[in-house]
């Protein structure tokens, strides 16, 4: 996972950074350094990233990226947000989701219709 900055559809962060030139969905993992559930979520995302490679993965430490976390409405860690390539938030989970939950959510993101601007 990389440290990038994006978040949910109705925030400025998502619209400006999630819809990228490659039109790839993004998994945003908001974490904190001393969070035990964050370690579990990180392990889940590591497993999922090996299975679903057509998605960008980004981990954001809320202490270092507090502005982005606030704009995304993050109130606890871990929080995972999945944003489709069209910029729509398709999944949000507080706590550590399972691999199966992530795969279902990623299916929605990968196959979400691409928005076309007129």
C-alpha atoms as a PDB file:
ATOM      1  CA  UNK A   1       0.000   0.000   0.000  1.00  0.00           C
ATOM      2  CA  UNK A   2       1.110   3.550  -0.635  1.00  0.00           C
ATOM      3  CA  UNK A   3       0.519   6.807   1.174  1.00  0.00           C
ATOM      4  CA  UNK A   4      -1.845   8.758  -1.018  1.00  0.00           C
ATOM      5  CA  UNK A   5      -4.617  11.163  -0.190  1.00  0.00           C
ATOM      6  CA  UNK A   6      -8.234  10.503  -1.114  1.00  0.00           C
ATOM      7  CA  UNK A   7     -11.564   9.906   0.569  1.00  0.00           C
ATOM      8  CA  UNK A   8     -15.305   9.697   0.042  1.00  0.00           C
ATOM      9  CA  UNK A   9     -17.432  11.060  -2.784  1.00  0.00           C
ATOM     10  CA  UNK A  10     -19.092  13.970  -1.009  1.00  0.00           C
ATOM     11  CA  UNK A  11     -15.804  15.433   0.205  1.00  0.00           C
ATOM     12  CA  UNK A  12     -13.399  17.628  -1.693  1.00  0.00           C
ATOM     13  CA  UNK A  13     -10.632  15.085  -1.156  1.00  0.00           C
ATOM     14  CA  UNK A  14     -12.369  12.319  -3.113  1.00  0.00           C
ATOM     15  CA  UNK A  15     -13.295  14.365  -6.093  1.00  0.00           C
ATOM     16  CA  UNK A  16      -9.888  15.920  -6.473  1.00  0.00           C
ATOM     17  CA  UNK A  17      -7.725  12.861  -5.929  1.00  0.00           C
ATOM     18  CA  UNK A  18      -9.712   9.644  -6.339  1.00  0.00           C
ATOM     19  CA  UNK A  19     -10.764  10.050  -9.943  1.00  0.00           C
ATOM     20  CA  UNK A  20      -7.389   9.561 -11.529  1.00  0.00           C
ATOM     21  CA  UNK A  21      -6.242   9.306 -15.107  1.00  0.00           C
ATOM     22  CA  UNK A  22      -6.111   5.510 -14.880  1.00  0.00           C
ATOM     23  CA  UNK A  23      -9.750   5.303 -13.725  1.00  0.00           C
ATOM     24  CA  UNK A  24      -8.950   2.742 -11.037  1.00  0.00           C
ATOM     25  CA  UNK A  25     -10.900   2.202  -7.840  1.00  0.00           C
ATOM     26  CA  UNK A  26      -9.073   3.085  -4.630  1.00  0.00           C
ATOM     27  CA  UNK A  27      -9.032   1.491  -1.198  1.00  0.00           C
ATOM     28  CA  UNK A  28      -8.278   4.042   1.518  1.00  0.00           C
ATOM     29  CA  UNK A  29      -7.143   2.630   4.828  1.00  0.00           C
ATOM     30  CA  UNK A  30      -7.231   5.230   7.613  1.00  0.00           C
ATOM     31  CA  UNK A  31      -5.066   3.928  10.455  1.00  0.00           C
ATOM     32  CA  UNK A  32      -3.179   4.962  13.568  1.00  0.00           C
ATOM     33  CA  UNK A  33       0.154   3.794  14.919  1.00  0.00           C
ATOM     34  CA  UNK A  34      -0.952   2.106  18.146  1.00  0.00           C
ATOM     35  CA  UNK A  35      -4.187   0.566  16.937  1.00  0.00           C
ATOM     36  CA  UNK A  36      -4.407  -3.238  17.334  1.00  0.00           C
ATOM     37  CA  UNK A  37      -7.433  -3.581  15.014  1.00  0.00           C
ATOM     38  CA  UNK A  38      -5.429  -1.615  12.414  1.00  0.00           C
ATOM     39  CA  UNK A  39      -2.910  -4.459  12.306  1.00  0.00           C
ATOM     40  CA  UNK A  40      -5.739  -6.920  11.620  1.00  0.00           C
ATOM     41  CA  UNK A  41      -7.174  -4.655   8.906  1.00  0.00           C
ATOM     42  CA  UNK A  42      -3.698  -4.255   7.387  1.00  0.00           C
ATOM     43  CA  UNK A  43      -3.303  -8.047   7.185  1.00  0.00           C
ATOM     44  CA  UNK A  44      -6.715  -8.331   5.518  1.00  0.00           C
ATOM     45  CA  UNK A  45      -5.830  -5.640   2.990  1.00  0.00           C
ATOM     46  CA  UNK A  46      -2.499  -7.321   2.254  1.00  0.00           C
ATOM     47  CA  UNK A  47      -4.364 -10.551   1.437  1.00  0.00           C
ATOM     48  CA  UNK A  48      -6.978  -8.738  -0.646  1.00  0.00           C
ATOM     49  CA  UNK A  49      -4.384  -6.702  -2.566  1.00  0.00           C
ATOM     50  CA  UNK A  50      -2.839  -9.954  -3.807  1.00  0.00           C
ATOM     51  CA  UNK A  51      -6.225 -11.143  -5.073  1.00  0.00           C
ATOM     52  CA  UNK A  52      -7.513  -7.881  -6.549  1.00  0.00           C
ATOM     53  CA  UNK A  53      -4.719  -6.105  -8.368  1.00  0.00           C
ATOM     54  CA  UNK A  54      -6.752  -3.690 -10.502  1.00  0.00           C
ATOM     55  CA  UNK A  55      -7.305  -1.416  -7.483  1.00  0.00           C
ATOM     56  CA  UNK A  56      -5.050   1.197  -5.889  1.00  0.00           C
ATOM     57  CA  UNK A  57      -4.412   0.812  -2.156  1.00  0.00           C
ATOM     58  CA  UNK A  58      -3.441   3.682   0.147  1.00  0.00           C
ATOM     59  CA  UNK A  59      -2.838   3.793   3.889  1.00  0.00           C
ATOM     60  CA  UNK A  60      -3.240   7.132   5.634  1.00  0.00           C
ATOM     61  CA  UNK A  61      -2.109   7.573   9.225  1.00  0.00           C
ATOM     62  CA  UNK A  62      -4.699   9.884  10.781  1.00  0.00           C
ATOM     63  CA  UNK A  63      -2.052  11.675  12.855  1.00  0.00           C
ATOM     64  CA  UNK A  64      -0.007  12.624   9.776  1.00  0.00           C
ATOM     65  CA  UNK A  65      -3.041  13.140   7.501  1.00  0.00           C
ATOM     66  CA  UNK A  66      -5.451  14.726   9.963  1.00  0.00           C
ATOM     67  CA  UNK A  67      -6.915  17.195   7.444  1.00  0.00           C
ATOM     68  CA  UNK A  68      -7.751  14.421   4.984  1.00  0.00           C
ATOM     69  CA  UNK A  69      -9.178  12.247   7.750  1.00  0.00           C
ATOM     70  CA  UNK A  70     -11.377  15.095   8.946  1.00  0.00           C
ATOM     71  CA  UNK A  71     -12.626  15.861   5.417  1.00  0.00           C
ATOM     72  CA  UNK A  72     -13.401  12.166   4.954  1.00  0.00           C
ATOM     73  CA  UNK A  73     -15.385  12.074   8.190  1.00  0.00           C
ATOM     74  CA  UNK A  74     -13.091   9.563   9.888  1.00  0.00           C
ATOM     75  CA  UNK A  75     -14.036   9.235  13.560  1.00  0.00           C
ATOM     76  CA  UNK A  76     -12.199   6.028  14.481  1.00  0.00           C
ATOM     77  CA  UNK A  77      -9.455   3.731  13.261  1.00  0.00           C
ATOM     78  CA  UNK A  78      -9.297   1.549  11.411  1.00  0.00           C
ATOM     79  CA  UNK A  79     -11.691   2.873   8.795  1.00  0.00           C
ATOM     80  CA  UNK A  80     -11.602   1.547   5.257  1.00  0.00           C
ATOM     81  CA  UNK A  81     -13.203   3.474   2.423  1.00  0.00           C
ATOM     82  CA  UNK A  82     -13.518   2.129  -1.116  1.00  0.00           C
ATOM     83  CA  UNK A  83     -14.025   4.643  -3.891  1.00  0.00           C
ATOM     84  CA  UNK A  84     -14.991   3.550  -7.405  1.00  0.00           C
ATOM     85  CA  UNK A  85     -13.113   4.936 -10.398  1.00  0.00           C
ATOM     86  CA  UNK A  86     -15.994   7.360 -11.007  1.00  0.00           C
ATOM     87  CA  UNK A  87     -15.422   8.900  -7.556  1.00  0.00           C
ATOM     88  CA  UNK A  88     -18.416   7.350  -5.811  1.00  0.00           C
ATOM     89  CA  UNK A  89     -17.880   5.863  -2.372  1.00  0.00           C
ATOM     90  CA  UNK A  90     -19.121   2.272  -2.553  1.00  0.00           C
ATOM     91  CA  UNK A  91     -18.027   0.940   0.848  1.00  0.00           C
ATOM     92  CA  UNK A  92     -17.058   2.191   4.273  1.00  0.00           C
ATOM     93  CA  UNK A  93     -16.197   0.071   7.297  1.00  0.00           C
ATOM     94  CA  UNK A  94     -15.122   1.077  10.763  1.00  0.00           C
ATOM     95  CA  UNK A  95     -13.126  -1.719  12.300  1.00  0.00           C
ATOM     96  CA  UNK A  96     -11.410  -4.591  10.558  1.00  0.00           C
ATOM     97  CA  UNK A  97     -13.521  -6.125   7.762  1.00  0.00           C
ATOM     98  CA  UNK A  98     -13.066  -9.721   6.678  1.00  0.00           C
ATOM     99  CA  UNK A  99     -11.487 -10.748   3.392  1.00  0.00           C
ATOM    100  CA  UNK A 100     -14.926 -11.789   2.103  1.00  0.00           C
ATOM    101  CA  UNK A 101     -16.459  -8.416   3.001  1.00  0.00           C
ATOM    102  CA  UNK A 102     -13.640  -6.647   1.191  1.00  0.00           C
ATOM    103  CA  UNK A 103     -13.969  -8.822  -1.908  1.00  0.00           C
ATOM    104  CA  UNK A 104     -17.709  -8.120  -2.169  1.00  0.00           C
ATOM    105  CA  UNK A 105     -17.124  -4.389  -1.703  1.00  0.00           C
ATOM    106  CA  UNK A 106     -14.310  -4.376  -4.261  1.00  0.00           C
ATOM    107  CA  UNK A 107     -16.531  -6.144  -6.779  1.00  0.00           C
ATOM    108  CA  UNK A 108     -18.907  -3.186  -6.489  1.00  0.00           C
ATOM    109  CA  UNK A 109     -16.048  -0.750  -6.991  1.00  0.00           C
ATOM    110  CA  UNK A 110     -14.428  -2.557  -9.908  1.00  0.00           C
ATOM    111  CA  UNK A 111     -17.695  -2.998 -11.782  1.00  0.00           C
ATOM    112  CA  UNK A 112     -19.238   0.355 -10.875  1.00  0.00           C
ATOM    113  CA  UNK A 113     -20.331   2.277 -13.966  1.00  0.00           C
ATOM    114  CA  UNK A 114     -17.903   4.941 -15.084  1.00  0.00           C
ATOM    115  CA  UNK A 115     -19.433   8.391 -14.975  1.00  0.00           C
ATOM    116  CA  UNK A 116     -19.162  10.413 -18.158  1.00  0.00           C
ATOM    117  CA  UNK A 117     -19.126  14.193 -17.986  1.00  0.00           C
ATOM    118  CA  UNK A 118     -21.136  16.037 -20.606  1.00  0.00           C
END
